[in-house]
Amino acid sequence: MIEYLDPQNFGVVRSKLDADNLAMVWELVKRNSPKSAKWDNNRLLDIETHDKQWAIRDPDREFENNVLRPCIDAYINHYGLPCKTKTTHAHDIVFNRLWCRASTRHDYHSLHDHKSILTFILWLNVPVDSKIERNIEYGFRPDAGEVVLTYSDITGSHRKMHFDLSPENNGQMIVFPSDINHCVYPTQTTDEYRLSVAGDISLSSLDIHKVIDPESDPRLKS
């Protein structure tokens, strides 16, 4: 008999927003956009360089409850929290940051991680097809227009997880561990803005519950 045993690891959850939730996100993005942003329906025409990333407020928690919570629950139910226990008590999770980023020709976001537990990216407007971008000056732009997650596999080898992007990805969201380094490669063929919404999920310091290991310290038994 042969068995296959997979060491614990953490993956990526991907989902697609329905039309109602996508319209709700667009409304939040435009309502919170800076004064320099000029819109034509859901197309960003122009924005000052220093305003190309802005915070989004979700006072009625529509985005949190209708979009984020189902994906985060699905992630935790499937993979668990992607972190070691480093606290004495169990903590609830909290959605602590939410923002929109607008990027255009030659803009990129270099390799980075986030100081949270889980991170998400939601693509609202992808103006080009990264597969076409890669074939411009073939071999010189192997990751053009992509979002790439980098990680080490079980052997310690360096790996990449590529997300090809095109207009078909509009309304698609991914959730992944915040410790995974990721980057966004630039586009070369359009001045139309690529719009994405991103945010972080952290452990809440205000919502603390049961003791995780009451035998570890007598002071925790009370």
C-alpha atoms as a PDB file:
ATOM      1  CA  MET A   1       0.000   0.000   0.000  1.00  0.00           C
ATOM      2  CA  ILE A   2       1.244   3.482  -0.874  1.00  0.00           C
ATOM      3  CA  GLU A   3       0.145   6.567   1.035  1.00  0.00           C
ATOM      4  CA  TYR A   4       0.680  10.208   0.162  1.00  0.00           C
ATOM      5  CA  LEU A   5       1.294  12.504   3.128  1.00  0.00           C
ATOM      6  CA  ASP A   6       1.240  16.254   2.574  1.00  0.00           C
ATOM      7  CA  PRO A   7       2.989  18.472   5.136  1.00  0.00           C
ATOM      8  CA  GLN A   8       0.858  21.328   6.401  1.00  0.00           C
ATOM      9  CA  ASN A   9       1.053  24.355   4.183  1.00  0.00           C
ATOM     10  CA  PHE A  10      -1.004  27.419   3.395  1.00  0.00           C
ATOM     11  CA  GLY A  11      -2.481  28.280   0.044  1.00  0.00           C
ATOM     12  CA  VAL A  12      -4.552  30.934  -1.708  1.00  0.00           C
ATOM     13  CA  VAL A  13      -8.336  31.348  -1.856  1.00  0.00           C
ATOM     14  CA  ARG A  14      -9.789  32.875  -5.003  1.00  0.00           C
ATOM     15  CA  SER A  15     -13.348  34.117  -5.530  1.00  0.00           C
ATOM     16  CA  LYS A  16     -15.401  36.152  -8.005  1.00  0.00           C
ATOM     17  CA  LEU A  17     -17.779  38.889  -6.892  1.00  0.00           C
ATOM     18  CA  ASP A  18     -21.339  38.905  -8.181  1.00  0.00           C
ATOM     19  CA  ALA A  19     -22.720  41.995  -9.923  1.00  0.00           C
ATOM     20  CA  ASP A  20     -24.376  43.482  -6.822  1.00  0.00           C
ATOM     21  CA  ASN A  21     -21.280  43.220  -4.636  1.00  0.00           C
ATOM     22  CA  LEU A  22     -19.065  44.517  -7.422  1.00  0.00           C
ATOM     23  CA  ALA A  23     -21.306  47.572  -7.824  1.00  0.00           C
ATOM     24  CA  MET A  24     -21.149  48.135  -4.072  1.00  0.00           C
ATOM     25  CA  VAL A  25     -17.321  48.066  -4.131  1.00  0.00           C
ATOM     26  CA  TRP A  26     -17.203  50.537  -7.011  1.00  0.00           C
ATOM     27  CA  GLU A  27     -19.466  52.877  -5.046  1.00  0.00           C
ATOM     28  CA  LEU A  28     -17.158  52.696  -1.999  1.00  0.00           C
ATOM     29  CA  VAL A  29     -14.066  53.296  -4.129  1.00  0.00           C
ATOM     30  CA  LYS A  30     -15.483  56.366  -5.875  1.00  0.00           C
ATOM     31  CA  ARG A  31     -17.111  57.790  -2.738  1.00  0.00           C
ATOM     32  CA  ASN A  32     -13.782  57.684  -0.883  1.00  0.00           C
ATOM     33  CA  SER A  33     -11.586  58.769  -3.802  1.00  0.00           C
ATOM     34  CA  PRO A  34      -9.531  61.980  -3.463  1.00  0.00           C
ATOM     35  CA  LYS A  35     -10.684  65.259  -4.938  1.00  0.00           C
ATOM     36  CA  SER A  36      -8.137  65.063  -7.741  1.00  0.00           C
ATOM     37  CA  ALA A  37      -9.754  61.881  -9.121  1.00  0.00           C
ATOM     38  CA  LYS A  38     -11.785  62.431 -12.288  1.00  0.00           C
ATOM     39  CA  TRP A  39     -14.256  59.689 -13.201  1.00  0.00           C
ATOM     40  CA  ASP A  40     -16.306  58.708 -16.218  1.00  0.00           C
ATOM     41  CA  ASN A  41     -18.675  56.138 -14.690  1.00  0.00           C
ATOM     42  CA  ASN A  42     -16.288  53.395 -13.484  1.00  0.00           C
ATOM     43  CA  ARG A  43     -13.314  54.586 -15.490  1.00  0.00           C
ATOM     44  CA  LEU A  44     -10.677  56.692 -13.757  1.00  0.00           C
ATOM     45  CA  LEU A  45      -9.611  59.377 -16.213  1.00  0.00           C
ATOM     46  CA  ASP A  46      -7.013  61.233 -14.171  1.00  0.00           C
ATOM     47  CA  ILE A  47      -5.623  61.576 -10.647  1.00  0.00           C
ATOM     48  CA  GLU A  48      -2.717  63.418  -9.035  1.00  0.00           C
ATOM     49  CA  THR A  49       0.362  61.241  -8.546  1.00  0.00           C
ATOM     50  CA  HIS A  50       0.382  61.697  -4.764  1.00  0.00           C
ATOM     51  CA  ASP A  51      -3.284  60.573  -4.605  1.00  0.00           C
ATOM     52  CA  LYS A  52      -2.922  57.274  -6.465  1.00  0.00           C
ATOM     53  CA  GLN A  53      -3.507  55.245  -3.290  1.00  0.00           C
ATOM     54  CA  TRP A  54      -6.337  56.148  -0.921  1.00  0.00           C
ATOM     55  CA  ALA A  55      -8.055  54.727   2.144  1.00  0.00           C
ATOM     56  CA  ILE A  56     -11.553  53.288   1.886  1.00  0.00           C
ATOM     57  CA  ARG A  57     -14.045  53.576   4.735  1.00  0.00           C
ATOM     58  CA  ASP A  58     -16.802  51.011   4.985  1.00  0.00           C
ATOM     59  CA  PRO A  59     -19.055  52.448   7.738  1.00  0.00           C
ATOM     60  CA  ASP A  60     -21.949  50.044   7.144  1.00  0.00           C
ATOM     61  CA  ARG A  61     -19.538  47.083   6.902  1.00  0.00           C
ATOM     62  CA  GLU A  62     -21.076  46.020   3.594  1.00  0.00           C
ATOM     63  CA  PHE A  63     -17.724  45.136   2.092  1.00  0.00           C
ATOM     64  CA  GLU A  64     -16.614  43.325   5.223  1.00  0.00           C
ATOM     65  CA  ASN A  65     -19.789  41.283   5.652  1.00  0.00           C
ATOM     66  CA  ASN A  66     -20.716  40.579   2.029  1.00  0.00           C
ATOM     67  CA  VAL A  67     -17.313  40.173   0.381  1.00  0.00           C
ATOM     68  CA  LEU A  68     -14.512  39.686   2.884  1.00  0.00           C
ATOM     69  CA  ARG A  69     -16.066  37.620   5.645  1.00  0.00           C
ATOM     70  CA  PRO A  70     -17.156  34.685   3.423  1.00  0.00           C
ATOM     71  CA  CYS A  71     -13.673  34.452   1.863  1.00  0.00           C
ATOM     72  CA  ILE A  72     -11.834  34.750   5.171  1.00  0.00           C
ATOM     73  CA  ASP A  73     -14.085  32.135   6.767  1.00  0.00           C
ATOM     74  CA  ALA A  74     -13.475  29.839   3.786  1.00  0.00           C
ATOM     75  CA  TYR A  75      -9.713  30.324   4.110  1.00  0.00           C
ATOM     76  CA  ILE A  76      -9.612  29.610   7.846  1.00  0.00           C
ATOM     77  CA  ASN A  77     -11.951  26.625   7.555  1.00  0.00           C
ATOM     78  CA  HIS A  78      -9.747  25.097   4.869  1.00  0.00           C
ATOM     79  CA  TYR A  79      -6.215  26.063   5.915  1.00  0.00           C
ATOM     80  CA  GLY A  80      -6.469  27.446   9.451  1.00  0.00           C
ATOM     81  CA  LEU A  81      -4.734  30.657  10.480  1.00  0.00           C
ATOM     82  CA  PRO A  82      -1.354  30.921   8.713  1.00  0.00           C
ATOM     83  CA  CYS A  83       0.647  31.747  11.819  1.00  0.00           C
ATOM     84  CA  LYS A  84       2.068  30.104  14.925  1.00  0.00           C
ATOM     85  CA  THR A  85       0.362  30.683  18.255  1.00  0.00           C
ATOM     86  CA  LYS A  86       2.305  33.462  19.971  1.00  0.00           C
ATOM     87  CA  THR A  87      -0.276  34.653  22.485  1.00  0.00           C
ATOM     88  CA  THR A  88      -1.690  33.275  25.733  1.00  0.00           C
ATOM     89  CA  HIS A  89      -5.320  33.855  24.686  1.00  0.00           C
ATOM     90  CA  ALA A  90      -7.356  33.319  21.528  1.00  0.00           C
ATOM     91  CA  HIS A  91      -8.023  36.518  19.581  1.00  0.00           C
ATOM     92  CA  ASP A  92     -10.747  37.386  17.112  1.00  0.00           C
ATOM     93  CA  ILE A  93      -9.720  38.663  13.712  1.00  0.00           C
ATOM     94  CA  VAL A  94     -10.311  42.237  12.561  1.00  0.00           C
ATOM     95  CA  PHE A  95     -10.284  43.921   9.157  1.00  0.00           C
ATOM     96  CA  ASN A  96      -7.881  46.713   9.942  1.00  0.00           C
ATOM     97  CA  ARG A  97      -6.953  48.342   6.616  1.00  0.00           C
ATOM     98  CA  LEU A  98      -8.691  48.849   3.299  1.00  0.00           C
ATOM     99  CA  TRP A  99      -7.416  50.912   0.367  1.00  0.00           C
ATOM    100  CA  CYS A 100      -7.590  51.420  -3.392  1.00  0.00           C
ATOM    101  CA  ARG A 101      -4.549  51.713  -5.632  1.00  0.00           C
ATOM    102  CA  ALA A 102      -4.464  53.197  -9.131  1.00  0.00           C
ATOM    103  CA  SER A 103      -1.527  52.417 -11.384  1.00  0.00           C
ATOM    104  CA  THR A 104      -0.812  53.124 -15.015  1.00  0.00           C
ATOM    105  CA  ARG A 105       1.943  52.598 -17.590  1.00  0.00           C
ATOM    106  CA  HIS A 106       5.314  51.700 -15.996  1.00  0.00           C
ATOM    107  CA  ASP A 107       3.912  51.757 -12.420  1.00  0.00           C
ATOM    108  CA  TYR A 108       4.815  48.766 -10.274  1.00  0.00           C
ATOM    109  CA  HIS A 109       4.913  47.663  -6.648  1.00  0.00           C
ATOM    110  CA  SER A 110       8.186  46.015  -5.622  1.00  0.00           C
ATOM    111  CA  LEU A 111       8.479  42.822  -3.588  1.00  0.00           C
ATOM    112  CA  HIS A 112       6.954  43.278  -0.130  1.00  0.00           C
ATOM    113  CA  ASP A 113       4.873  41.651   2.587  1.00  0.00           C
ATOM    114  CA  HIS A 114       2.267  42.973   5.036  1.00  0.00           C
ATOM    115  CA  LYS A 115       2.366  43.106   8.841  1.00  0.00           C
ATOM    116  CA  SER A 116      -0.871  41.171   9.284  1.00  0.00           C
ATOM    117  CA  ILE A 117      -2.269  37.627   9.206  1.00  0.00           C
ATOM    118  CA  LEU A 118      -4.083  37.576   5.865  1.00  0.00           C
ATOM    119  CA  THR A 119      -4.033  39.944   2.899  1.00  0.00           C
ATOM    120  CA  PHE A 120      -6.419  40.245  -0.014  1.00  0.00           C
ATOM    121  CA  ILE A 121      -6.332  41.814  -3.468  1.00  0.00           C
ATOM    122  CA  LEU A 122      -9.467  42.566  -5.478  1.00  0.00           C
ATOM    123  CA  TRP A 123      -9.052  43.604  -9.118  1.00  0.00           C
ATOM    124  CA  LEU A 124     -11.597  46.169 -10.265  1.00  0.00           C
ATOM    125  CA  ASN A 125     -10.197  47.286 -13.602  1.00  0.00           C
ATOM    126  CA  VAL A 126      -7.476  45.420 -15.478  1.00  0.00           C
ATOM    127  CA  PRO A 127      -7.024  47.263 -18.790  1.00  0.00           C
ATOM    128  CA  VAL A 128      -4.596  44.882 -20.535  1.00  0.00           C
ATOM    129  CA  ASP A 129      -3.851  41.188 -20.957  1.00  0.00           C
ATOM    130  CA  SER A 130      -0.597  40.214 -19.244  1.00  0.00           C
ATOM    131  CA  LYS A 131      -0.064  37.359 -21.716  1.00  0.00           C
ATOM    132  CA  ILE A 132       0.062  39.923 -24.533  1.00  0.00           C
ATOM    133  CA  GLU A 133       2.278  42.228 -22.451  1.00  0.00           C
ATOM    134  CA  ARG A 134       4.808  39.428 -21.959  1.00  0.00           C
ATOM    135  CA  ASN A 135       5.184  38.906 -25.698  1.00  0.00           C
ATOM    136  CA  ILE A 136       6.199  42.505 -26.349  1.00  0.00           C
ATOM    137  CA  GLU A 137       9.986  42.322 -26.643  1.00  0.00           C
ATOM    138  CA  TYR A 138       9.676  38.612 -25.892  1.00  0.00           C
ATOM    139  CA  GLY A 139      12.028  37.390 -23.186  1.00  0.00           C
ATOM    140  CA  PHE A 140      12.678  40.825 -21.689  1.00  0.00           C
ATOM    141  CA  ARG A 141       9.399  41.140 -19.737  1.00  0.00           C
ATOM    142  CA  PRO A 142       8.586  37.620 -18.523  1.00  0.00           C
ATOM    143  CA  ASP A 143       6.213  38.745 -15.745  1.00  0.00           C
ATOM    144  CA  ALA A 144       4.777  41.912 -17.316  1.00  0.00           C
ATOM    145  CA  GLY A 145       1.385  42.934 -15.982  1.00  0.00           C
ATOM    146  CA  GLU A 146       1.239  40.085 -13.455  1.00  0.00           C
ATOM    147  CA  VAL A 147       0.837  39.802  -9.711  1.00  0.00           C
ATOM    148  CA  VAL A 148       3.390  37.304  -8.402  1.00  0.00           C
ATOM    149  CA  LEU A 149       3.586  35.617  -5.001  1.00  0.00           C
ATOM    150  CA  THR A 150       6.977  34.208  -3.968  1.00  0.00           C
ATOM    151  CA  TYR A 151       7.582  31.475  -1.402  1.00  0.00           C
ATOM    152  CA  SER A 152       9.858  28.611  -0.383  1.00  0.00           C
ATOM    153  CA  ASP A 153       8.641  25.045  -0.945  1.00  0.00           C
ATOM    154  CA  ILE A 154       9.197  22.065   1.364  1.00  0.00           C
ATOM    155  CA  THR A 155      12.744  21.596   0.003  1.00  0.00           C
ATOM    156  CA  GLY A 156      13.628  25.251   0.520  1.00  0.00           C
ATOM    157  CA  SER A 157      13.558  25.976  -3.205  1.00  0.00           C
ATOM    158  CA  HIS A 158      12.346  29.401  -4.265  1.00  0.00           C
ATOM    159  CA  ARG A 159       9.013  29.316  -6.088  1.00  0.00           C
ATOM    160  CA  LYS A 160       6.653  31.797  -7.748  1.00  0.00           C
ATOM    161  CA  MET A 161       2.878  31.719  -8.055  1.00  0.00           C
ATOM    162  CA  HIS A 162       1.853  33.779 -11.089  1.00  0.00           C
ATOM    163  CA  PHE A 163      -1.501  35.474 -11.574  1.00  0.00           C
ATOM    164  CA  ASP A 164      -2.033  36.362 -15.218  1.00  0.00           C
ATOM    165  CA  LEU A 165      -4.292  39.409 -15.415  1.00  0.00           C
ATOM    166  CA  SER A 166      -6.702  40.530 -18.095  1.00  0.00           C
ATOM    167  CA  PRO A 167     -10.134  42.195 -18.171  1.00  0.00           C
ATOM    168  CA  GLU A 168     -11.575  38.749 -17.402  1.00  0.00           C
ATOM    169  CA  ASN A 169     -10.138  39.120 -13.879  1.00  0.00           C
ATOM    170  CA  ASN A 170     -12.230  42.183 -13.102  1.00  0.00           C
ATOM    171  CA  GLY A 171     -14.172  41.427  -9.929  1.00  0.00           C
ATOM    172  CA  GLN A 172     -11.848  38.606  -8.875  1.00  0.00           C
ATOM    173  CA  MET A 173     -10.279  38.495  -5.411  1.00  0.00           C
ATOM    174  CA  ILE A 174      -7.479  36.442  -3.840  1.00  0.00           C
ATOM    175  CA  VAL A 175      -6.717  35.920  -0.143  1.00  0.00           C
ATOM    176  CA  PHE A 176      -3.270  34.764   0.989  1.00  0.00           C
ATOM    177  CA  PRO A 177      -0.984  34.845   4.058  1.00  0.00           C
ATOM    178  CA  SER A 178       0.411  38.327   4.678  1.00  0.00           C
ATOM    179  CA  ASP A 179       3.915  36.923   5.215  1.00  0.00           C
ATOM    180  CA  ILE A 180       4.104  35.845   1.575  1.00  0.00           C
ATOM    181  CA  ASN A 181       6.209  38.314  -0.372  1.00  0.00           C
ATOM    182  CA  HIS A 182       4.426  39.544  -3.475  1.00  0.00           C
ATOM    183  CA  CYS A 183       4.895  42.136  -6.189  1.00  0.00           C
ATOM    184  CA  VAL A 184       3.015  43.791  -9.029  1.00  0.00           C
ATOM    185  CA  TYR A 185       4.747  44.090 -12.382  1.00  0.00           C
ATOM    186  CA  PRO A 186       4.150  47.111 -14.646  1.00  0.00           C
ATOM    187  CA  THR A 187       2.189  47.322 -17.855  1.00  0.00           C
ATOM    188  CA  GLN A 188       3.738  48.873 -20.953  1.00  0.00           C
ATOM    189  CA  THR A 189       0.983  49.310 -23.521  1.00  0.00           C
ATOM    190  CA  THR A 190      -1.704  51.562 -22.036  1.00  0.00           C
ATOM    191  CA  ASP A 191      -2.165  54.712 -19.985  1.00  0.00           C
ATOM    192  CA  GLU A 192      -5.523  53.494 -18.662  1.00  0.00           C
ATOM    193  CA  TYR A 193      -5.499  53.010 -14.902  1.00  0.00           C
ATOM    194  CA  ARG A 194      -5.366  49.556 -13.366  1.00  0.00           C
ATOM    195  CA  LEU A 195      -7.511  49.707 -10.215  1.00  0.00           C
ATOM    196  CA  SER A 196      -7.341  47.288  -7.328  1.00  0.00           C
ATOM    197  CA  VAL A 197      -8.637  47.188  -3.773  1.00  0.00           C
ATOM    198  CA  ALA A 198      -6.514  45.589  -1.086  1.00  0.00           C
ATOM    199  CA  GLY A 199      -6.504  45.192   2.666  1.00  0.00           C
ATOM    200  CA  ASP A 200      -5.316  43.281   5.709  1.00  0.00           C
ATOM    201  CA  ILE A 201      -6.813  41.043   8.358  1.00  0.00           C
ATOM    202  CA  SER A 202      -5.125  41.001  11.771  1.00  0.00           C
ATOM    203  CA  LEU A 203      -5.585  39.568  15.240  1.00  0.00           C
ATOM    204  CA  SER A 204      -7.648  41.956  17.342  1.00  0.00           C
ATOM    205  CA  SER A 205      -6.103  43.189  20.584  1.00  0.00           C
ATOM    206  CA  LEU A 206      -9.581  44.213  21.755  1.00  0.00           C
ATOM    207  CA  ASP A 207     -11.408  40.890  21.255  1.00  0.00           C
ATOM    208  CA  ILE A 208      -9.649  38.346  23.481  1.00  0.00           C
ATOM    209  CA  HIS A 209     -11.238  35.057  24.516  1.00  0.00           C
ATOM    210  CA  LYS A 210     -10.308  31.814  26.223  1.00  0.00           C
ATOM    211  CA  VAL A 211      -6.838  30.865  27.448  1.00  0.00           C
ATOM    212  CA  ILE A 212      -5.088  28.732  24.837  1.00  0.00           C
ATOM    213  CA  ASP A 213      -3.006  26.666  27.274  1.00  0.00           C
ATOM    214  CA  PRO A 214      -4.047  27.162  30.925  1.00  0.00           C
ATOM    215  CA  GLU A 215      -1.400  24.664  32.108  1.00  0.00           C
ATOM    216  CA  SER A 216       1.450  26.792  30.811  1.00  0.00           C
ATOM    217  CA  ASP A 217       1.249  29.385  33.589  1.00  0.00           C
ATOM    218  CA  PRO A 218      -0.741  29.174  36.863  1.00  0.00           C
ATOM    219  CA  ARG A 219      -1.659  32.844  36.563  1.00  0.00           C
ATOM    220  CA  LEU A 220      -3.774  32.032  33.502  1.00  0.00           C
ATOM    221  CA  LYS A 221      -6.075  29.597  35.350  1.00  0.00           C
ATOM    222  CA  SER A 222      -8.133  32.235  37.063  1.00  0.00           C
END
